Amino acid sequence: MGNSIVRRPVPVQNNVRELRIAAGLSQEGAAERFDLSLRAWQTKEATAKVALLSQGEYELLLLLAGRHPHYELVPQDKK
Protein backbone atom coordinates (compact mmCIF):
# COMPACT_ATOMS: atom_id res chain seq x y z
CA MET A 1 0.00 0.00 0.00
CA GLY A 2 1.73 3.17 -1.23
CA ASN A 3 0.44 6.16 0.73
CA SER A 4 -0.70 4.53 3.94
CA ILE A 5 -1.31 6.97 6.78
CA VAL A 6 -1.24 4.22 9.39
CA ARG A 7 1.91 4.55 11.46
CA ARG A 8 3.08 3.11 14.72
CA PRO A 9 1.87 5.06 17.73
CA VAL A 10 4.44 7.35 19.29
CA PRO A 11 5.49 5.94 22.67
CA VAL A 12 4.01 8.00 25.49
CA GLN A 13 6.72 9.56 27.64
CA ASN A 14 6.72 11.58 30.84
CA ASN A 15 7.77 14.92 29.28
CA VAL A 16 4.33 16.48 29.63
CA ARG A 17 5.49 19.75 31.22
CA GLU A 18 8.20 20.25 28.59
CA LEU A 19 5.71 19.70 25.74
CA ARG A 20 3.11 21.98 27.32
CA ILE A 21 5.63 24.79 27.55
CA ALA A 22 6.81 24.16 23.96
CA ALA A 23 3.17 24.40 22.85
CA GLY A 24 2.91 27.80 24.51
CA LEU A 25 0.23 26.68 26.95
CA SER A 26 -0.15 27.55 30.60
CA GLN A 27 -1.33 24.80 32.92
CA GLU A 28 -4.75 26.44 32.85
CA GLY A 29 -4.72 26.56 29.05
CA ALA A 30 -3.68 22.93 28.77
CA ALA A 31 -6.38 21.85 31.23
CA GLU A 32 -8.98 23.71 29.19
CA ARG A 33 -7.70 22.32 25.86
CA PHE A 34 -7.88 18.75 27.17
CA ASP A 35 -11.19 19.33 29.01
CA LEU A 36 -9.70 18.64 32.43
CA SER A 37 -9.73 20.42 35.75
CA LEU A 38 -6.57 22.34 36.56
CA ARG A 39 -5.83 19.86 39.36
CA ALA A 40 -6.19 16.88 37.01
CA TRP A 41 -3.77 18.46 34.54
CA GLN A 42 -1.28 19.26 37.32
CA THR A 43 -1.41 15.61 38.38
CA LYS A 44 -0.67 14.44 34.82
CA GLU A 45 2.25 16.85 34.67
CA ALA A 46 3.70 16.15 38.11
CA THR A 47 3.81 12.37 38.08
CA ALA A 48 6.65 10.28 36.72
CA LYS A 49 4.17 7.66 35.53
CA VAL A 50 4.05 7.47 31.75
CA ALA A 51 0.50 6.16 31.43
CA LEU A 52 -1.29 9.21 32.83
CA LEU A 53 -1.72 10.66 29.33
CA SER A 54 -3.68 8.60 26.86
CA GLN A 55 -2.13 7.90 23.47
CA GLY A 56 -4.41 10.48 21.86
CA GLU A 57 -3.68 13.13 24.49
CA TYR A 58 0.06 12.62 24.12
CA GLU A 59 0.01 12.78 20.33
CA LEU A 60 -2.14 15.94 20.38
CA LEU A 61 0.32 17.53 22.81
CA LEU A 62 3.18 16.58 20.46
CA LEU A 63 1.31 18.21 17.56
CA LEU A 64 0.61 21.38 19.54
CA ALA A 65 4.29 21.56 20.52
CA GLY A 66 5.44 21.00 16.94
CA ARG A 67 7.31 17.84 17.95
CA HIS A 68 5.28 15.01 16.44
CA PRO A 69 7.65 12.77 14.46
CA HIS A 70 5.15 12.03 11.66
CA TYR A 71 2.71 14.93 11.39
CA GLU A 72 2.45 18.69 11.76
CA LEU A 73 -0.41 21.10 12.19
CA VAL A 74 -0.95 23.48 9.30
CA PRO A 75 -3.35 26.43 9.19
CA GLN A 76 -6.45 26.08 7.06
CA ASP A 77 -6.76 28.28 4.01
CA LYS A 78 -9.12 31.16 4.72
CA LYS A 79 -11.70 31.43 1.96
C-alpha atoms as a PDB file:
ATOM      1  CA  MET A   1       0.000   0.000   0.000  1.00  0.00           C
ATOM      2  CA  GLY A   2       1.733   3.172  -1.225  1.00  0.00           C
ATOM      3  CA  ASN A   3       0.441   6.157   0.731  1.00  0.00           C
ATOM      4  CA  SER A   4      -0.704   4.528   3.938  1.00  0.00           C
ATOM      5  CA  ILE A   5      -1.313   6.973   6.776  1.00  0.00           C
ATOM      6  CA  VAL A   6      -1.240   4.223   9.388  1.00  0.00           C
ATOM      7  CA  ARG A   7       1.915   4.548  11.455  1.00  0.00           C
ATOM      8  CA  ARG A   8       3.077   3.108  14.715  1.00  0.00           C
ATOM      9  CA  PRO A   9       1.874   5.057  17.733  1.00  0.00           C
ATOM     10  CA  VAL A  10       4.436   7.355  19.293  1.00  0.00           C
ATOM     11  CA  PRO A  11       5.487   5.936  22.669  1.00  0.00           C
ATOM     12  CA  VAL A  12       4.009   7.999  25.487  1.00  0.00           C
ATOM     13  CA  GLN A  13       6.721   9.559  27.638  1.00  0.00           C
ATOM     14  CA  ASN A  14       6.719  11.579  30.836  1.00  0.00           C
ATOM     15  CA  ASN A  15       7.773  14.924  29.283  1.00  0.00           C
ATOM     16  CA  VAL A  16       4.329  16.475  29.629  1.00  0.00           C
ATOM     17  CA  ARG A  17       5.488  19.750  31.216  1.00  0.00           C
ATOM     18  CA  GLU A  18       8.200  20.252  28.586  1.00  0.00           C
ATOM     19  CA  LEU A  19       5.712  19.697  25.744  1.00  0.00           C
ATOM     20  CA  ARG A  20       3.106  21.977  27.318  1.00  0.00           C
ATOM     21  CA  ILE A  21       5.628  24.790  27.550  1.00  0.00           C
ATOM     22  CA  ALA A  22       6.811  24.161  23.963  1.00  0.00           C
ATOM     23  CA  ALA A  23       3.166  24.395  22.853  1.00  0.00           C
ATOM     24  CA  GLY A  24       2.911  27.802  24.510  1.00  0.00           C
ATOM     25  CA  LEU A  25       0.227  26.675  26.945  1.00  0.00           C
ATOM     26  CA  SER A  26      -0.146  27.552  30.600  1.00  0.00           C
ATOM     27  CA  GLN A  27      -1.327  24.802  32.923  1.00  0.00           C
ATOM     28  CA  GLU A  28      -4.754  26.437  32.855  1.00  0.00           C
ATOM     29  CA  GLY A  29      -4.722  26.562  29.054  1.00  0.00           C
ATOM     30  CA  ALA A  30      -3.682  22.930  28.773  1.00  0.00           C
ATOM     31  CA  ALA A  31      -6.375  21.851  31.230  1.00  0.00           C
ATOM     32  CA  GLU A  32      -8.978  23.709  29.187  1.00  0.00           C
ATOM     33  CA  ARG A  33      -7.696  22.324  25.858  1.00  0.00           C
ATOM     34  CA  PHE A  34      -7.881  18.753  27.174  1.00  0.00           C
ATOM     35  CA  ASP A  35     -11.192  19.333  29.011  1.00  0.00           C
ATOM     36  CA  LEU A  36      -9.703  18.639  32.435  1.00  0.00           C
ATOM     37  CA  SER A  37      -9.729  20.423  35.748  1.00  0.00           C
ATOM     38  CA  LEU A  38      -6.571  22.344  36.560  1.00  0.00           C
ATOM     39  CA  ARG A  39      -5.830  19.865  39.363  1.00  0.00           C
ATOM     40  CA  ALA A  40      -6.190  16.880  37.013  1.00  0.00           C
ATOM     41  CA  TRP A  41      -3.772  18.463  34.538  1.00  0.00           C
ATOM     42  CA  GLN A  42      -1.283  19.257  37.319  1.00  0.00           C
ATOM     43  CA  THR A  43      -1.408  15.605  38.382  1.00  0.00           C
ATOM     44  CA  LYS A  44      -0.672  14.444  34.822  1.00  0.00           C
ATOM     45  CA  GLU A  45       2.246  16.846  34.668  1.00  0.00           C
ATOM     46  CA  ALA A  46       3.703  16.150  38.113  1.00  0.00           C
ATOM     47  CA  THR A  47       3.807  12.374  38.083  1.00  0.00           C
ATOM     48  CA  ALA A  48       6.649  10.280  36.721  1.00  0.00           C
ATOM     49  CA  LYS A  49       4.165   7.658  35.527  1.00  0.00           C
ATOM     50  CA  VAL A  50       4.049   7.470  31.749  1.00  0.00           C
ATOM     51  CA  ALA A  51       0.495   6.161  31.426  1.00  0.00           C
ATOM     52  CA  LEU A  52      -1.291   9.213  32.832  1.00  0.00           C
ATOM     53  CA  LEU A  53      -1.717  10.663  29.328  1.00  0.00           C
ATOM     54  CA  SER A  54      -3.680   8.598  26.858  1.00  0.00           C
ATOM     55  CA  GLN A  55      -2.127   7.901  23.467  1.00  0.00           C
ATOM     56  CA  GLY A  56      -4.411  10.480  21.856  1.00  0.00           C
ATOM     57  CA  GLU A  57      -3.676  13.130  24.486  1.00  0.00           C
ATOM     58  CA  TYR A  58       0.064  12.619  24.118  1.00  0.00           C
ATOM     59  CA  GLU A  59       0.014  12.775  20.332  1.00  0.00           C
ATOM     60  CA  LEU A  60      -2.140  15.938  20.379  1.00  0.00           C
ATOM     61  CA  LEU A  61       0.315  17.528  22.809  1.00  0.00           C
ATOM     62  CA  LEU A  62       3.177  16.578  20.462  1.00  0.00           C
ATOM     63  CA  LEU A  63       1.311  18.207  17.556  1.00  0.00           C
ATOM     64  CA  LEU A  64       0.612  21.377  19.538  1.00  0.00           C
ATOM     65  CA  ALA A  65       4.291  21.559  20.524  1.00  0.00           C
ATOM     66  CA  GLY A  66       5.440  21.002  16.937  1.00  0.00           C
ATOM     67  CA  ARG A  67       7.305  17.845  17.954  1.00  0.00           C
ATOM     68  CA  HIS A  68       5.281  15.011  16.442  1.00  0.00           C
ATOM     69  CA  PRO A  69       7.651  12.774  14.463  1.00  0.00           C
ATOM     70  CA  HIS A  70       5.151  12.031  11.662  1.00  0.00           C
ATOM     71  CA  TYR A  71       2.709  14.929  11.388  1.00  0.00           C
ATOM     72  CA  GLU A  72       2.449  18.687  11.761  1.00  0.00           C
ATOM     73  CA  LEU A  73      -0.414  21.102  12.193  1.00  0.00           C
ATOM     74  CA  VAL A  74      -0.949  23.481   9.299  1.00  0.00           C
ATOM     75  CA  PRO A  75      -3.352  26.425   9.189  1.00  0.00           C
ATOM     76  CA  GLN A  76      -6.454  26.082   7.058  1.00  0.00           C
ATOM     77  CA  ASP A  77      -6.758  28.281   4.005  1.00  0.00           C
ATOM     78  CA  LYS A  78      -9.122  31.157   4.717  1.00  0.00           C
ATOM     79  CA  LYS A  79     -11.696  31.432   1.964  1.00  0.00           C
END
